[in-house]
Amino acid sequence: MLLNTIAPETGSTVGVAMPISVVFSNPVATSARAGIESAMKVTTSVPVTGAWHWFSSTRVDWRPEKYWPSGTKVTLNANLDGVGDGNGDYGIHGYTHSFTIGADVETQVSAPDHSMKVYRNGTLVRTMPIDAGSPQFPSWDGTMAVMDKARWVLMTSCSVDITCDPSNPNYYNINLPWDVQLTTSGTYVHFSTGDPEPGHSYGSHGCVHLSYDNAEWFYNYVEQGDPITITGSPRGLAAGDNGYADFNLSWSQWLSGSATGQQTTTSS
């Protein structure tokens, strides 16, 4: 049994909504989940209440009940040597990951008001006009932690299953700058040449559009794990495993996917 990925990267500094996300290379049987959770110990510089949650047979996340306190140092010791996955495979070594929680940077997006507000440690830093998804292609609601950032991303309607037909009015294939990724399904905060001065209409197929200057500022300001919460969109909450939207699950929903339940971390 091997781990495919652990997020965030060891040594990184991330936002207050970043989960520990572990992806296994092979499926884990339900009967083996408690043993694996017990073998993956989370320690922190200050006590934090949290729990593991299985999104699938290959992905399990650990998140605190509420956002991480800023400045918390977190270590995952995954002592999986000899631990079975319930399907005949066993771990052959351990993994250690350590990271730090940065400033409390939270973004609130109101789709109906075409407005984005960015807060740092509870203080409003910047208010920016935005356009969110259209009634036909609405944005996801809820809280999504920043997954990643890219200076340029090729946005295509085909890649998000809208249309691959160039004659369709919803077809697009364009390289756009200042991209902050929110979901694996293709939600970004970014600048769009088709919506260069947002703040007044429906401007996207589900993304959040900013002006060029604001998109550049936002790209440089936020980091992986910073929570971005969209409200007022009719699409409903993004699934918890659609990127790092873990906080879209209530605490009771989160615990229902845990084999060992709520725990309070010990100091590392």
C-alpha atoms as a PDB file:
ATOM      1  CA  MET A   1       0.000   0.000   0.000  1.00  0.00           C
ATOM      2  CA  LEU A   2       1.452   3.324  -1.068  1.00  0.00           C
ATOM      3  CA  LEU A   3       0.321   6.915  -0.893  1.00  0.00           C
ATOM      4  CA  ASN A   4      -0.156   8.609  -4.232  1.00  0.00           C
ATOM      5  CA  THR A   5      -0.196  12.173  -2.906  1.00  0.00           C
ATOM      6  CA  ILE A   6      -0.303  14.149   0.338  1.00  0.00           C
ATOM      7  CA  ALA A   7      -1.451  17.763   0.271  1.00  0.00           C
ATOM      8  CA  PRO A   8      -0.305  20.331   1.164  1.00  0.00           C
ATOM      9  CA  GLU A   9       3.362  19.946   0.306  1.00  0.00           C
ATOM     10  CA  THR A  10       5.709  19.533   3.213  1.00  0.00           C
ATOM     11  CA  GLY A  11       7.343  22.816   4.217  1.00  0.00           C
ATOM     12  CA  SER A  12       4.563  24.927   2.733  1.00  0.00           C
ATOM     13  CA  THR A  13       2.542  27.737   4.303  1.00  0.00           C
ATOM     14  CA  VAL A  14      -1.179  27.506   3.542  1.00  0.00           C
ATOM     15  CA  GLY A  15      -4.491  29.109   4.337  1.00  0.00           C
ATOM     16  CA  VAL A  16      -6.829  28.439   7.245  1.00  0.00           C
ATOM     17  CA  ALA A  17      -9.210  26.205   5.247  1.00  0.00           C
ATOM     18  CA  MET A  18      -6.587  23.807   3.864  1.00  0.00           C
ATOM     19  CA  PRO A  19      -7.226  20.165   4.726  1.00  0.00           C
ATOM     20  CA  ILE A  20      -4.665  17.411   4.944  1.00  0.00           C
ATOM     21  CA  SER A  21      -5.639  15.388   1.881  1.00  0.00           C
ATOM     22  CA  VAL A  22      -4.227  11.876   1.447  1.00  0.00           C
ATOM     23  CA  VAL A  23      -4.757   9.894  -1.748  1.00  0.00           C
ATOM     24  CA  PHE A  24      -3.865   6.212  -1.836  1.00  0.00           C
ATOM     25  CA  SER A  25      -2.610   4.426  -4.920  1.00  0.00           C
ATOM     26  CA  ASN A  26      -5.012   1.511  -4.353  1.00  0.00           C
ATOM     27  CA  PRO A  27      -8.508   1.244  -2.817  1.00  0.00           C
ATOM     28  CA  VAL A  28      -8.822   0.887   0.956  1.00  0.00           C
ATOM     29  CA  ALA A  29     -11.488  -1.475   2.290  1.00  0.00           C
ATOM     30  CA  THR A  30     -14.013  -0.037   4.745  1.00  0.00           C
ATOM     31  CA  SER A  31     -12.857  -2.564   7.339  1.00  0.00           C
ATOM     32  CA  ALA A  32      -9.311  -1.173   7.212  1.00  0.00           C
ATOM     33  CA  ARG A  33     -10.135   2.505   7.554  1.00  0.00           C
ATOM     34  CA  ALA A  34      -9.984   2.721  11.342  1.00  0.00           C
ATOM     35  CA  GLY A  35      -6.541   1.136  11.370  1.00  0.00           C
ATOM     36  CA  ILE A  36      -5.251   3.519   8.741  1.00  0.00           C
ATOM     37  CA  GLU A  37      -6.705   6.573  10.468  1.00  0.00           C
ATOM     38  CA  SER A  38      -5.085   5.499  13.743  1.00  0.00           C
ATOM     39  CA  ALA A  39      -1.745   5.100  11.990  1.00  0.00           C
ATOM     40  CA  MET A  40      -1.878   8.627  10.548  1.00  0.00           C
ATOM     41  CA  LYS A  41      -1.320  10.882  13.544  1.00  0.00           C
ATOM     42  CA  VAL A  42      -1.831  14.631  13.298  1.00  0.00           C
ATOM     43  CA  THR A  43       0.064  16.786  15.788  1.00  0.00           C
ATOM     44  CA  THR A  44      -0.073  20.569  16.063  1.00  0.00           C
ATOM     45  CA  SER A  45       1.647  23.402  17.883  1.00  0.00           C
ATOM     46  CA  VAL A  46      -1.663  24.247  19.601  1.00  0.00           C
ATOM     47  CA  PRO A  47      -4.500  21.794  20.328  1.00  0.00           C
ATOM     48  CA  VAL A  48      -7.013  21.557  17.465  1.00  0.00           C
ATOM     49  CA  THR A  49     -10.211  19.505  17.264  1.00  0.00           C
ATOM     50  CA  GLY A  50     -10.597  17.680  13.975  1.00  0.00           C
ATOM     51  CA  ALA A  51     -11.225  14.348  12.263  1.00  0.00           C
ATOM     52  CA  TRP A  52     -10.581  12.248   9.181  1.00  0.00           C
ATOM     53  CA  HIS A  53     -13.259  11.871   6.516  1.00  0.00           C
ATOM     54  CA  TRP A  54     -13.272   9.343   3.654  1.00  0.00           C
ATOM     55  CA  PHE A  55     -14.516  10.811   0.396  1.00  0.00           C
ATOM     56  CA  SER A  56     -13.835   7.548  -1.422  1.00  0.00           C
ATOM     57  CA  SER A  57     -11.880   4.316  -1.073  1.00  0.00           C
ATOM     58  CA  THR A  58      -8.729   6.177  -2.143  1.00  0.00           C
ATOM     59  CA  ARG A  59      -9.083   9.674  -0.628  1.00  0.00           C
ATOM     60  CA  VAL A  60      -9.229  10.635   3.046  1.00  0.00           C
ATOM     61  CA  ASP A  61      -8.976  14.214   4.363  1.00  0.00           C
ATOM     62  CA  TRP A  62      -8.323  15.595   7.853  1.00  0.00           C
ATOM     63  CA  ARG A  63      -9.754  18.990   8.692  1.00  0.00           C
ATOM     64  CA  PRO A  64     -10.364  20.909  11.893  1.00  0.00           C
ATOM     65  CA  GLU A  65     -13.934  21.463  13.050  1.00  0.00           C
ATOM     66  CA  LYS A  66     -13.439  25.174  12.366  1.00  0.00           C
ATOM     67  CA  TYR A  67     -10.719  26.927  10.399  1.00  0.00           C
ATOM     68  CA  TRP A  68      -7.134  26.417  11.547  1.00  0.00           C
ATOM     69  CA  PRO A  69      -5.783  29.089  13.908  1.00  0.00           C
ATOM     70  CA  SER A  70      -3.241  31.262  12.094  1.00  0.00           C
ATOM     71  CA  GLY A  71       0.336  30.339  12.887  1.00  0.00           C
ATOM     72  CA  THR A  72      -0.429  26.709  13.725  1.00  0.00           C
ATOM     73  CA  LYS A  73       2.369  24.300  12.835  1.00  0.00           C
ATOM     74  CA  VAL A  74       0.989  20.954  11.653  1.00  0.00           C
ATOM     75  CA  THR A  75       2.687  17.584  11.257  1.00  0.00           C
ATOM     76  CA  LEU A  76       1.286  14.385   9.786  1.00  0.00           C
ATOM     77  CA  ASN A  77       3.108  11.215  10.800  1.00  0.00           C
ATOM     78  CA  ALA A  78       1.688   8.462   8.602  1.00  0.00           C
ATOM     79  CA  ASN A  79       3.215   5.366  10.186  1.00  0.00           C
ATOM     80  CA  LEU A  80       1.880   2.943   7.596  1.00  0.00           C
ATOM     81  CA  ASP A  81       4.686   0.378   7.597  1.00  0.00           C
ATOM     82  CA  GLY A  82       2.906  -2.985   7.966  1.00  0.00           C
ATOM     83  CA  VAL A  83      -0.592  -1.459   8.009  1.00  0.00           C
ATOM     84  CA  GLY A  84      -3.025  -3.284   5.734  1.00  0.00           C
ATOM     85  CA  ASP A  85      -5.535  -1.795   3.317  1.00  0.00           C
ATOM     86  CA  GLY A  86      -8.000  -4.658   3.732  1.00  0.00           C
ATOM     87  CA  ASN A  87      -7.405  -5.829   0.194  1.00  0.00           C
ATOM     88  CA  GLY A  88      -4.194  -7.764   0.718  1.00  0.00           C
ATOM     89  CA  ASP A  89      -1.668  -4.945   0.452  1.00  0.00           C
ATOM     90  CA  TYR A  90       0.407  -3.494   3.297  1.00  0.00           C
ATOM     91  CA  GLY A  91       2.325  -0.305   3.822  1.00  0.00           C
ATOM     92  CA  ILE A  92       6.066  -0.573   3.384  1.00  0.00           C
ATOM     93  CA  HIS A  93       7.223   2.702   4.943  1.00  0.00           C
ATOM     94  CA  GLY A  94       6.051   5.810   6.731  1.00  0.00           C
ATOM     95  CA  TYR A  95       5.509   9.375   5.587  1.00  0.00           C
ATOM     96  CA  THR A  96       6.043  12.647   7.457  1.00  0.00           C
ATOM     97  CA  HIS A  97       4.579  15.941   6.280  1.00  0.00           C
ATOM     98  CA  SER A  98       4.844  19.286   8.073  1.00  0.00           C
ATOM     99  CA  PHE A  99       3.355  22.643   7.124  1.00  0.00           C
ATOM    100  CA  THR A 100       2.343  25.976   8.661  1.00  0.00           C
ATOM    101  CA  ILE A 101      -0.958  27.853   8.660  1.00  0.00           C
ATOM    102  CA  GLY A 102      -0.518  31.409   7.444  1.00  0.00           C
ATOM    103  CA  ALA A 103      -2.628  34.528   7.884  1.00  0.00           C
ATOM    104  CA  ASP A 104      -6.413  34.280   8.048  1.00  0.00           C
ATOM    105  CA  VAL A 105      -7.239  35.503   4.523  1.00  0.00           C
ATOM    106  CA  GLU A 106     -10.918  34.979   3.710  1.00  0.00           C
ATOM    107  CA  THR A 107     -12.798  36.039   0.583  1.00  0.00           C
ATOM    108  CA  GLN A 108     -16.556  36.567   0.359  1.00  0.00           C
ATOM    109  CA  VAL A 109     -18.176  36.636  -3.091  1.00  0.00           C
ATOM    110  CA  SER A 110     -21.785  37.748  -3.548  1.00  0.00           C
ATOM    111  CA  ALA A 111     -22.967  36.595  -6.954  1.00  0.00           C
ATOM    112  CA  PRO A 112     -26.165  38.742  -6.951  1.00  0.00           C
ATOM    113  CA  ASP A 113     -24.290  41.855  -5.821  1.00  0.00           C
ATOM    114  CA  HIS A 114     -21.395  41.314  -8.272  1.00  0.00           C
ATOM    115  CA  SER A 115     -19.032  41.940  -5.392  1.00  0.00           C
ATOM    116  CA  MET A 116     -15.955  40.340  -3.823  1.00  0.00           C
ATOM    117  CA  LYS A 117     -14.601  41.323  -0.410  1.00  0.00           C
ATOM    118  CA  VAL A 118     -11.193  40.159   0.838  1.00  0.00           C
ATOM    119  CA  TYR A 119     -10.481  40.115   4.578  1.00  0.00           C
ATOM    120  CA  ARG A 120      -7.197  39.591   6.409  1.00  0.00           C
ATOM    121  CA  ASN A 121      -7.408  38.628  10.070  1.00  0.00           C
ATOM    122  CA  GLY A 122     -10.966  39.981  10.124  1.00  0.00           C
ATOM    123  CA  THR A 123     -10.175  43.357   8.554  1.00  0.00           C
ATOM    124  CA  LEU A 124     -11.525  44.278   5.123  1.00  0.00           C
ATOM    125  CA  VAL A 125      -8.584  44.712   2.761  1.00  0.00           C
ATOM    126  CA  ARG A 126     -10.200  45.215  -0.634  1.00  0.00           C
ATOM    127  CA  THR A 127     -13.610  45.264  -2.319  1.00  0.00           C
ATOM    128  CA  MET A 128     -13.762  44.419  -6.016  1.00  0.00           C
ATOM    129  CA  PRO A 129     -16.509  44.156  -8.650  1.00  0.00           C
ATOM    130  CA  ILE A 130     -17.014  40.674 -10.097  1.00  0.00           C
ATOM    131  CA  ASP A 131     -19.218  38.762 -12.466  1.00  0.00           C
ATOM    132  CA  ALA A 132     -20.076  35.185 -11.586  1.00  0.00           C
ATOM    133  CA  GLY A 133     -21.775  32.453 -13.580  1.00  0.00           C
ATOM    134  CA  SER A 134     -24.848  32.910 -15.717  1.00  0.00           C
ATOM    135  CA  PRO A 135     -28.298  31.420 -14.964  1.00  0.00           C
ATOM    136  CA  GLN A 136     -27.517  28.706 -17.514  1.00  0.00           C
ATOM    137  CA  PHE A 137     -24.030  28.061 -16.128  1.00  0.00           C
ATOM    138  CA  PRO A 138     -24.093  29.212 -12.489  1.00  0.00           C
ATOM    139  CA  SER A 139     -21.110  29.232 -10.154  1.00  0.00           C
ATOM    140  CA  TRP A 140     -20.865  26.803  -7.285  1.00  0.00           C
ATOM    141  CA  ASP A 141     -22.014  28.112  -3.920  1.00  0.00           C
ATOM    142  CA  GLY A 142     -20.193  27.510  -0.668  1.00  0.00           C
ATOM    143  CA  THR A 143     -16.642  27.603   0.614  1.00  0.00           C
ATOM    144  CA  MET A 144     -13.808  26.377  -1.576  1.00  0.00           C
ATOM    145  CA  ALA A 145     -10.196  26.539  -0.447  1.00  0.00           C
ATOM    146  CA  VAL A 146      -7.749  27.726  -3.079  1.00  0.00           C
ATOM    147  CA  MET A 147      -6.329  24.639  -4.782  1.00  0.00           C
ATOM    148  CA  ASP A 148      -3.611  26.171  -6.901  1.00  0.00           C
ATOM    149  CA  LYS A 149      -2.630  29.218  -8.946  1.00  0.00           C
ATOM    150  CA  ALA A 150      -1.366  29.548 -12.508  1.00  0.00           C
ATOM    151  CA  ARG A 151      -0.165  32.611 -14.414  1.00  0.00           C
ATOM    152  CA  TRP A 152      -1.962  31.381 -17.539  1.00  0.00           C
ATOM    153  CA  VAL A 153      -4.577  28.668 -18.101  1.00  0.00           C
ATOM    154  CA  LEU A 154      -6.053  27.494 -21.383  1.00  0.00           C
ATOM    155  CA  MET A 155      -9.803  27.686 -20.771  1.00  0.00           C
ATOM    156  CA  THR A 156     -11.845  25.417 -23.037  1.00  0.00           C
ATOM    157  CA  SER A 157     -15.549  24.642 -23.064  1.00  0.00           C
ATOM    158  CA  CYS A 158     -14.736  21.108 -24.140  1.00  0.00           C
ATOM    159  CA  SER A 159     -12.679  20.371 -21.020  1.00  0.00           C
ATOM    160  CA  VAL A 160     -15.621  21.189 -18.717  1.00  0.00           C
ATOM    161  CA  ASP A 161     -18.218  19.317 -20.811  1.00  0.00           C
ATOM    162  CA  ILE A 162     -20.061  22.402 -22.058  1.00  0.00           C
ATOM    163  CA  THR A 163     -19.452  21.953 -25.780  1.00  0.00           C
ATOM    164  CA  CYS A 164     -16.720  20.811 -28.135  1.00  0.00           C
ATOM    165  CA  ASP A 165     -18.477  22.271 -31.157  1.00  0.00           C
ATOM    166  CA  PRO A 166     -16.826  25.504 -32.398  1.00  0.00           C
ATOM    167  CA  SER A 167     -20.130  26.583 -33.970  1.00  0.00           C
ATOM    168  CA  ASN A 168     -21.908  26.489 -30.588  1.00  0.00           C
ATOM    169  CA  PRO A 169     -22.308  29.987 -29.050  1.00  0.00           C
ATOM    170  CA  ASN A 170     -21.065  28.596 -25.707  1.00  0.00           C
ATOM    171  CA  TYR A 171     -17.825  27.317 -27.244  1.00  0.00           C
ATOM    172  CA  TYR A 172     -14.581  28.886 -26.053  1.00  0.00           C
ATOM    173  CA  ASN A 173     -10.881  28.065 -26.304  1.00  0.00           C
ATOM    174  CA  ILE A 174      -8.725  30.842 -24.951  1.00  0.00           C
ATOM    175  CA  ASN A 175      -5.613  31.363 -22.831  1.00  0.00           C
ATOM    176  CA  LEU A 176      -6.387  33.651 -19.872  1.00  0.00           C
ATOM    177  CA  PRO A 177      -4.212  35.138 -17.089  1.00  0.00           C
ATOM    178  CA  TRP A 178      -4.164  35.359 -13.286  1.00  0.00           C
ATOM    179  CA  ASP A 179      -5.948  32.086 -12.535  1.00  0.00           C
ATOM    180  CA  VAL A 180      -6.827  31.014  -8.981  1.00  0.00           C
ATOM    181  CA  GLN A 181      -8.275  27.501  -9.017  1.00  0.00           C
ATOM    182  CA  LEU A 182     -11.208  26.638  -6.728  1.00  0.00           C
ATOM    183  CA  THR A 183     -12.453  23.231  -7.946  1.00  0.00           C
ATOM    184  CA  THR A 184     -11.245  20.247  -9.914  1.00  0.00           C
ATOM    185  CA  SER A 185     -14.343  20.657 -12.091  1.00  0.00           C
ATOM    186  CA  GLY A 186     -12.910  23.882 -13.489  1.00  0.00           C
ATOM    187  CA  THR A 187     -13.963  26.835 -11.313  1.00  0.00           C
ATOM    188  CA  TYR A 188     -11.436  29.668 -11.262  1.00  0.00           C
ATOM    189  CA  VAL A 189     -11.181  33.291 -10.212  1.00  0.00           C
ATOM    190  CA  HIS A 190      -9.501  35.017 -13.159  1.00  0.00           C
ATOM    191  CA  PHE A 191      -9.491  37.774 -15.753  1.00  0.00           C
ATOM    192  CA  SER A 192     -11.477  37.264 -18.952  1.00  0.00           C
ATOM    193  CA  THR A 193     -11.126  39.178 -22.195  1.00  0.00           C
ATOM    194  CA  GLY A 194     -14.818  38.503 -22.753  1.00  0.00           C
ATOM    195  CA  ASP A 195     -15.708  40.261 -19.498  1.00  0.00           C
ATOM    196  CA  PRO A 196     -12.946  42.873 -19.021  1.00  0.00           C
ATOM    197  CA  GLU A 197     -14.920  45.264 -16.785  1.00  0.00           C
ATOM    198  CA  PRO A 198     -17.021  43.041 -14.501  1.00  0.00           C
ATOM    199  CA  GLY A 199     -19.494  44.136 -11.882  1.00  0.00           C
ATOM    200  CA  HIS A 200     -22.734  44.484 -13.816  1.00  0.00           C
ATOM    201  CA  SER A 201     -23.890  41.250 -15.461  1.00  0.00           C
ATOM    202  CA  TYR A 202     -23.484  37.498 -15.837  1.00  0.00           C
ATOM    203  CA  GLY A 203     -20.058  37.069 -17.259  1.00  0.00           C
ATOM    204  CA  SER A 204     -18.960  33.464 -17.159  1.00  0.00           C
ATOM    205  CA  HIS A 205     -19.686  29.788 -17.479  1.00  0.00           C
ATOM    206  CA  GLY A 206     -19.280  29.333 -13.717  1.00  0.00           C
ATOM    207  CA  CYS A 207     -16.007  31.107 -12.946  1.00  0.00           C
ATOM    208  CA  VAL A 208     -15.616  34.402 -11.106  1.00  0.00           C
ATOM    209  CA  HIS A 209     -14.266  37.214 -13.266  1.00  0.00           C
ATOM    210  CA  LEU A 210     -12.228  40.181 -12.057  1.00  0.00           C
ATOM    211  CA  SER A 211     -10.774  43.117 -13.963  1.00  0.00           C
ATOM    212  CA  TYR A 212      -7.183  42.639 -15.118  1.00  0.00           C
ATOM    213  CA  ASP A 213      -5.661  44.736 -12.325  1.00  0.00           C
ATOM    214  CA  ASN A 214      -7.839  43.163  -9.629  1.00  0.00           C
ATOM    215  CA  ALA A 215      -7.191  39.655 -10.954  1.00  0.00           C
ATOM    216  CA  GLU A 216      -3.450  40.277 -10.802  1.00  0.00           C
ATOM    217  CA  TRP A 217      -3.717  41.656  -7.257  1.00  0.00           C
ATOM    218  CA  PHE A 218      -5.872  38.743  -6.085  1.00  0.00           C
ATOM    219  CA  TYR A 219      -3.570  36.183  -7.696  1.00  0.00           C
ATOM    220  CA  ASN A 220      -0.594  37.624  -5.843  1.00  0.00           C
ATOM    221  CA  TYR A 221      -2.475  38.011  -2.547  1.00  0.00           C
ATOM    222  CA  VAL A 222      -4.079  34.617  -1.908  1.00  0.00           C
ATOM    223  CA  GLU A 223      -2.381  31.295  -1.252  1.00  0.00           C
ATOM    224  CA  GLN A 224      -3.346  27.644  -1.357  1.00  0.00           C
ATOM    225  CA  GLY A 225      -5.873  26.878   1.355  1.00  0.00           C
ATOM    226  CA  ASP A 226      -7.347  30.380   1.649  1.00  0.00           C
ATOM    227  CA  PRO A 227     -11.157  30.040   1.801  1.00  0.00           C
ATOM    228  CA  ILE A 228     -13.282  31.659  -0.893  1.00  0.00           C
ATOM    229  CA  THR A 229     -17.006  31.600  -0.140  1.00  0.00           C
ATOM    230  CA  ILE A 230     -19.557  32.236  -2.898  1.00  0.00           C
ATOM    231  CA  THR A 231     -23.146  33.033  -1.944  1.00  0.00           C
ATOM    232  CA  GLY A 232     -26.347  33.709  -3.875  1.00  0.00           C
ATOM    233  CA  SER A 233     -25.703  31.343  -6.764  1.00  0.00           C
ATOM    234  CA  PRO A 234     -28.498  28.866  -7.602  1.00  0.00           C
ATOM    235  CA  ARG A 235     -26.225  25.906  -8.338  1.00  0.00           C
ATOM    236  CA  GLY A 236     -25.850  24.689  -4.755  1.00  0.00           C
ATOM    237  CA  LEU A 237     -22.803  23.754  -2.723  1.00  0.00           C
ATOM    238  CA  ALA A 238     -19.723  22.328  -4.382  1.00  0.00           C
ATOM    239  CA  ALA A 239     -19.097  18.748  -3.293  1.00  0.00           C
ATOM    240  CA  GLY A 240     -16.529  18.482  -0.527  1.00  0.00           C
ATOM    241  CA  ASP A 241     -14.109  16.552  -2.723  1.00  0.00           C
ATOM    242  CA  ASN A 242     -14.471  18.902  -5.687  1.00  0.00           C
ATOM    243  CA  GLY A 243     -11.066  20.313  -4.926  1.00  0.00           C
ATOM    244  CA  TYR A 244     -10.763  21.270  -1.258  1.00  0.00           C
ATOM    245  CA  ALA A 245     -14.358  22.231  -0.462  1.00  0.00           C
ATOM    246  CA  ASP A 246     -14.212  20.260   2.801  1.00  0.00           C
ATOM    247  CA  PHE A 247     -15.905  23.009   4.804  1.00  0.00           C
ATOM    248  CA  ASN A 248     -19.069  22.638   2.733  1.00  0.00           C
ATOM    249  CA  LEU A 249     -19.825  19.643   4.941  1.00  0.00           C
ATOM    250  CA  SER A 250     -21.304  20.293   8.376  1.00  0.00           C
ATOM    251  CA  TRP A 251     -19.349  18.868  11.281  1.00  0.00           C
ATOM    252  CA  SER A 252     -21.897  16.069  11.743  1.00  0.00           C
ATOM    253  CA  GLN A 253     -21.657  15.216   8.041  1.00  0.00           C
ATOM    254  CA  TRP A 254     -17.881  15.238   8.327  1.00  0.00           C
ATOM    255  CA  LEU A 255     -17.854  12.882  11.300  1.00  0.00           C
ATOM    256  CA  SER A 256     -20.213  10.476   9.532  1.00  0.00           C
ATOM    257  CA  GLY A 257     -17.371   9.722   7.112  1.00  0.00           C
ATOM    258  CA  SER A 258     -14.800   9.049   9.829  1.00  0.00           C
ATOM    259  CA  ALA A 259     -13.902   5.614  11.169  1.00  0.00           C
ATOM    260  CA  THR A 260     -12.314   6.857  14.410  1.00  0.00           C
ATOM    261  CA  GLY A 261     -14.295  10.023  15.078  1.00  0.00           C
ATOM    262  CA  GLN A 262     -13.431  13.398  16.527  1.00  0.00           C
ATOM    263  CA  GLN A 263      -9.996  13.908  18.049  1.00  0.00           C
ATOM    264  CA  THR A 264      -8.071  16.715  19.681  1.00  0.00           C
ATOM    265  CA  THR A 265      -4.488  16.947  18.519  1.00  0.00           C
ATOM    266  CA  THR A 266      -1.539  16.823  20.849  1.00  0.00           C
ATOM    267  CA  SER A 267       1.290  19.332  20.616  1.00  0.00           C
ATOM    268  CA  SER A 268       4.169  18.536  18.292  1.00  0.00           C
END
